[in-house]
Each structure stands twice: as structure tokens, then as C-alpha cells.
Amino acid sequence: MLDDTSWYSPFIETFTSEKLAFAETGAEHSYPKFPPMEDFEGLIAGYAAR
């Protein structure tokens, strides 16, 4: 399942406040902790539209 990751691109990353400086995911959305509750509806709709 994870041998070929070319089909996958991250949509959201959380807890970026604790990531290493060289760790980049290329996620479309990035949050220092968890997203605020008011962002969830838009995130879910955006992910579904992908």
C-alpha cells in the first residue's frame, strides 16, 4: 500500500508547531495545532471536491 506514494498528496497537516524545520508534506492546509471547529465544514467540503 505504501510502496508507491505517487498517487497520494496530503490534504491537511496538523501540529506543525512541533514539526522539524526540514519536514515538509506539501499539504494544501496547515495548522499549528488542530484546525478550529469553524474550519471543519470547509475542509470536509474541499476534501470531498478533490
Protein backbone atom coordinates (compact mmCIF):
# COMPACT_ATOMS: atom_id res chain seq x y z
CA MET A 1 0.00 0.00 0.00
CA LEU A 2 2.76 2.48 0.84
CA ASP A 3 5.39 1.29 -1.63
CA ASP A 4 4.13 3.69 -4.31
CA THR A 5 3.03 7.04 -2.91
CA SER A 6 2.88 8.90 -6.23
CA TRP A 7 -0.94 8.72 -6.19
CA TYR A 8 -1.19 10.47 -2.80
CA SER A 9 -0.78 14.10 -1.83
CA PRO A 10 -1.54 15.29 1.72
CA PHE A 11 -4.59 17.49 2.14
CA ILE A 12 -4.10 18.73 5.69
CA GLU A 13 -1.33 18.70 8.27
CA THR A 14 -1.72 19.42 11.97
CA PHE A 15 0.64 20.22 14.82
CA THR A 16 3.09 21.96 12.52
CA SER A 17 4.23 23.97 15.53
CA GLU A 18 6.12 20.85 16.59
CA LYS A 19 7.49 19.69 13.24
CA LEU A 20 11.13 19.65 12.29
CA ALA A 21 12.25 22.51 10.04
CA PHE A 22 13.07 20.17 7.14
CA ALA A 23 9.83 18.15 7.35
CA GLU A 24 7.59 19.33 4.52
CA THR A 25 4.47 17.48 3.42
CA GLY A 26 3.18 19.82 0.73
CA ALA A 27 -0.28 19.68 2.30
CA GLU A 28 -2.86 22.13 0.98
CA HIS A 29 -3.84 23.16 4.51
CA SER A 30 -1.57 23.53 7.51
CA TYR A 31 -2.36 24.23 11.16
CA PRO A 32 -0.05 24.78 14.15
CA LYS A 33 -2.33 22.56 16.28
CA PHE A 34 -5.80 21.29 15.28
CA PRO A 35 -8.00 23.32 12.91
CA PRO A 36 -10.62 25.47 14.61
CA MET A 37 -14.11 23.98 14.57
CA GLU A 38 -15.37 26.66 12.17
CA ASP A 39 -12.88 25.42 9.52
CA PHE A 40 -14.05 21.81 9.53
CA GLU A 41 -17.04 22.26 7.20
CA GLY A 42 -14.89 23.93 4.55
CA LEU A 43 -12.11 21.36 4.95
CA ILE A 44 -14.50 18.45 4.54
CA ALA A 45 -16.12 20.06 1.50
CA GLY A 46 -12.71 20.78 -0.01
CA TYR A 47 -11.53 17.24 0.54
CA ALA A 48 -14.73 15.79 -0.96
CA ALA A 49 -14.32 18.01 -4.02
CA ARG A 50 -10.81 16.71 -4.67
